[in-house]
Amino acid sequence: MTEEPLKIEVTIAAPADEVWRAMRDPELIRRWHGWHVDSLDAEIRMIYLDDVTEDAEHHVLETGGDRFSLHSAPGGTTVRLTRGPRGANPEWEAYYDDITEGWRTFLAQLRFGLERHGLAERRTVFLHGPVPGDSLRSTLGVAGIDGAYRVTLPTGDTFEGEVYSRTELQLALTVDSIGLLIVADAPKPGGHCLAVLTTYGFDDFDALNERWNKWWESLSR
């Protein structure tokens, strides 16, 4: 039997043309895709601009074997990602599940950036690597959060907000007056977990970033 293609869908409260611009203009893409590292612009070019096929009229983009399409939905636009089949790209096969989880993170960032901040400039705290027990959600103490929440984290921060989205491996939390926290567990035992905290207009970013990185370093001692 032929394996059904994996589809990821996110509905965004914005018109299709606005969502499409956010996915095609590199200056807008860097306001939601991933996190700020020196390689971000090169990554954006590789994924969204180089060797891609696009149909701007019908809002369809194909990149690296994956296919994005935009569809009208009540109150906004559904972004549908249809992943390429397993085995289509042997070079990336070992990372197939990690790439899938990466797309879930990126689409949550796209939705939040558009819906809540109009793709304003942002700054990001980024943590990535293995953790004891293979669950960063548990290590941070957010695994059981549902609905509105208030929690004091092992970083020393007390966050308030609500669950923005949840999948099998990922939890996205709004953080009042700061932005969006996404915590993702690894798809395979011993793999790398991820936390990315996207901030908007947050004056104490440097201190926040330092606290989170010090806590992260303490996990490996």
Foldseek 3Di string as FASTA:
>chain_A
DDDDWDKDKDWALAAPVLLLCCLAPLVNVLLFQDADDPCVSVVSCQFRPPPKDADSVQAWIGGPQKIWGWDDDVRGIMIMITHHDQPPDVVCNVCVVVVVVSVVRRVLSSRQCCRPPVSDHKHKQKDKFAFVPQAPCVQQPNVPFAAWDWDQGPLRDIFTFTFPDDDPFKTWTAGPQFGIWIWGGDPDPRGMTMIMGIGDPDPCVVVVNVSVVVVSVVRVD
